[in-house]
Protein backbone atom coordinates (compact mmCIF):
# COMPACT_ATOMS: atom_id res chain seq x y z
CA MET A 1 18.15 13.63 17.97
CA VAL A 2 15.49 11.83 15.94
CA THR A 3 16.43 8.63 14.09
CA THR A 4 15.25 7.07 10.86
CA GLU A 5 13.95 4.07 12.80
CA ALA A 6 11.88 6.32 15.10
CA ILE A 7 10.37 7.98 12.03
CA LEU A 8 9.62 4.61 10.40
CA GLU A 9 7.90 3.45 13.61
CA VAL A 10 5.60 6.47 13.41
CA LEU A 11 4.99 5.88 9.69
CA ARG A 12 3.98 2.28 10.47
CA THR A 13 1.05 3.69 12.47
CA ILE A 14 -0.34 5.47 9.40
CA ASP A 15 -2.73 3.34 7.37
CA ASP A 16 -3.43 3.94 3.72
CA PRO A 17 -6.79 5.76 3.62
CA GLU A 18 -8.19 3.31 1.05
CA MET A 19 -6.84 -0.04 2.29
CA PRO A 20 -6.24 -1.82 5.63
CA ILE A 21 -2.43 -1.60 5.48
CA SER A 22 0.21 0.79 6.76
CA ILE A 23 1.95 3.02 4.25
CA VAL A 24 5.24 1.34 5.19
CA ASP A 25 3.90 -2.19 4.56
CA LEU A 26 2.29 -0.97 1.33
CA GLY A 27 5.79 0.04 0.18
CA LEU A 28 5.03 3.73 -0.27
CA ILE A 29 8.05 5.00 1.68
CA GLU A 30 11.03 5.34 -0.62
CA ASP A 31 13.36 7.43 1.55
CA VAL A 32 13.64 9.22 4.87
CA ALA A 33 16.24 11.99 5.02
CA ILE A 34 17.22 13.85 8.19
CA ASP A 35 19.01 17.18 7.95
CA ASP A 36 19.60 19.05 11.21
CA GLY A 37 16.18 18.00 12.59
CA ASN A 38 14.32 18.69 9.37
CA ILE A 39 12.81 15.62 7.77
CA THR A 40 12.15 14.89 4.11
CA ILE A 41 10.10 11.80 3.35
CA SER A 42 9.90 10.56 -0.23
CA VAL A 43 6.66 8.72 -0.97
CA LEU A 44 5.84 6.59 -4.03
CA PRO A 45 2.15 6.89 -4.95
CA THR A 46 0.46 3.71 -6.17
CA PHE A 47 -0.97 5.70 -9.09
CA VAL A 48 -0.47 9.19 -10.49
CA GLY A 49 -3.35 11.33 -9.31
CA CYS A 50 -4.28 9.09 -6.38
CA PRO A 51 -6.95 11.05 -4.46
CA ALA A 52 -5.58 9.86 -1.09
CA LEU A 53 -2.21 11.65 -1.47
CA PRO A 54 -3.17 14.85 0.41
CA MET A 55 -4.50 12.77 3.34
CA ILE A 56 -1.33 10.68 3.41
CA ALA A 57 0.85 13.80 3.35
CA ASP A 58 -1.16 15.43 6.15
CA ASP A 59 -0.95 12.28 8.31
CA ILE A 60 2.80 12.00 7.75
CA THR A 61 3.44 15.66 8.50
CA SER A 62 1.34 15.81 11.66
CA LYS A 63 2.66 12.57 13.16
CA VAL A 64 6.34 13.06 12.31
CA ASP A 65 6.29 16.73 13.39
CA ALA A 66 5.09 15.53 16.82
CA LEU A 67 8.32 13.56 17.39
CA ALA A 68 10.85 15.10 19.75
CA GLY A 69 13.75 16.67 17.88
CA VAL A 70 11.88 17.23 14.61
CA GLY A 71 11.91 20.73 13.18
CA LYS A 72 9.83 20.54 10.03
CA THR A 73 8.63 17.62 7.94
CA LYS A 74 8.40 17.79 4.17
CA VAL A 75 6.65 15.12 2.06
CA LEU A 76 7.78 14.65 -1.54
CA PHE A 77 5.84 12.48 -3.96
CA VAL A 78 8.29 10.79 -6.30
CA TYR A 79 7.62 8.51 -9.25
CA ASP A 80 11.03 6.93 -9.79
CA PRO A 81 11.24 4.09 -9.14
CA PRO A 82 7.58 3.46 -9.88
CA TRP A 83 5.56 1.80 -7.14
CA SER A 84 4.74 -1.87 -7.68
CA VAL A 85 2.79 -4.51 -5.75
CA ASP A 86 6.17 -6.24 -5.34
CA ARG A 87 6.94 -3.56 -2.70
CA ILE A 88 4.17 -4.80 -0.37
CA SER A 89 5.66 -6.53 2.68
CA GLY A 90 4.73 -10.03 3.81
CA GLU A 91 2.93 -8.57 6.83
CA GLY A 92 1.07 -6.19 4.53
CA ARG A 93 0.03 -9.03 2.22
CA ALA A 94 -1.31 -10.98 5.21
CA SER A 95 -3.25 -7.94 6.45
CA LEU A 96 -4.80 -7.36 3.04
CA LYS A 97 -5.71 -11.04 2.67
CA SER A 98 -7.43 -11.04 6.07
CA HIS A 99 -9.59 -8.20 4.74
CA GLY A 100 -10.42 -9.98 1.47
CA VAL A 101 -7.81 -8.35 -0.79
CA THR A 102 -5.34 -10.58 -2.63
CA VAL A 103 -1.96 -9.49 -4.01
CA PRO A 104 0.02 -10.99 -6.89
CA ALA A 105 3.11 -12.92 -5.79
CA PRO A 106 6.37 -10.95 -6.11
CA GLY A 107 7.68 -11.23 -9.65
CA ALA A 108 4.57 -13.13 -10.83
CA VAL A 109 3.18 -12.68 -14.30
CA GLU A 110 -0.60 -12.82 -14.36
CA LEU A 111 -2.71 -13.53 -17.40
CA ARG A 112 -6.40 -12.73 -17.68
CA THR A 113 -7.00 -16.48 -17.42
CA SER A 114 -4.91 -16.89 -14.25
CA ALA A 115 -6.83 -18.35 -11.30
CA ILE A 116 -6.58 -16.07 -8.29
CA PRO A 117 -7.09 -18.08 -5.08
CA CYS A 118 -9.99 -16.89 -2.95
CA PRO A 119 -8.79 -15.26 0.29
CA PHE A 120 -11.82 -16.65 2.13
CA CYS A 121 -11.94 -20.34 1.16
CA GLY A 122 -8.75 -20.87 -0.88
CA SER A 123 -10.62 -22.08 -3.96
CA ASP A 124 -9.04 -21.44 -7.35
CA ARG A 125 -12.46 -21.52 -9.00
CA THR A 126 -12.53 -17.74 -9.29
CA THR A 127 -13.40 -15.44 -12.15
CA LEU A 128 -12.74 -11.81 -12.92
CA ASP A 129 -15.96 -9.90 -12.25
CA SER A 130 -14.74 -6.35 -12.99
CA MET A 131 -11.43 -4.81 -14.01
CA PHE A 132 -12.53 -1.76 -12.02
CA GLY A 133 -12.61 -1.96 -8.23
CA PRO A 134 -13.15 0.63 -5.51
CA THR A 135 -9.75 2.17 -6.28
CA ARG A 136 -7.61 2.39 -9.42
CA CYS A 137 -5.21 -0.26 -8.13
CA ARG A 138 -7.80 -2.99 -7.43
CA MET A 139 -10.21 -5.18 -9.40
CA ILE A 140 -13.09 -7.44 -8.36
CA TYR A 141 -13.13 -11.24 -8.51
CA TYR A 142 -15.91 -13.73 -7.76
CA CYS A 143 -15.36 -17.09 -6.07
CA ASN A 144 -17.53 -19.91 -7.40
CA GLY A 145 -16.57 -22.00 -4.37
CA CYS A 146 -17.84 -19.87 -1.49
CA ARG A 147 -19.75 -17.37 -3.66
CA ASN A 148 -18.02 -14.31 -2.24
CA THR A 149 -16.57 -11.41 -4.13
CA PHE A 150 -13.10 -10.19 -3.26
CA GLU A 151 -10.63 -7.57 -4.41
CA HIS A 152 -7.32 -8.24 -6.10
CA MET A 153 -4.47 -5.75 -6.42
CA LYS A 154 -3.54 -4.97 -10.02
CA LYS A 155 -0.02 -5.87 -11.03
CA VAL A 156 1.68 -2.54 -11.62
């Protein structure tokens, strides 16, 4: 019989298609339900209409269906509770930072004038370059210390 932990281990191997972080560490997995070998996985999208959702669903279905004892896997996208950057695990935050993406501290309130430390050199001499990054949940900052740009997750 398949267990929730076995399913979560498989889900940890699935990276978000747009960021270097597993969907578990990103905090997308809300619930895993097992009913007589059939699996229902509730996923919280980072944004409504995220273009990566079909890829995430396909990855989940194919990998979980391959587990022994699994009949059929169903992926549900749910919006309550809403996803927030506070759901990102410590390991996920470290992975993102190593790839040049910073994340607001859990519970932090950020103002447009807040200094976001550079993930490369640690300088707080950074400025917002663009509210619009490569995805809807990220924006671009510039570091005046090391002169690199980096991405910062939007507080949602």
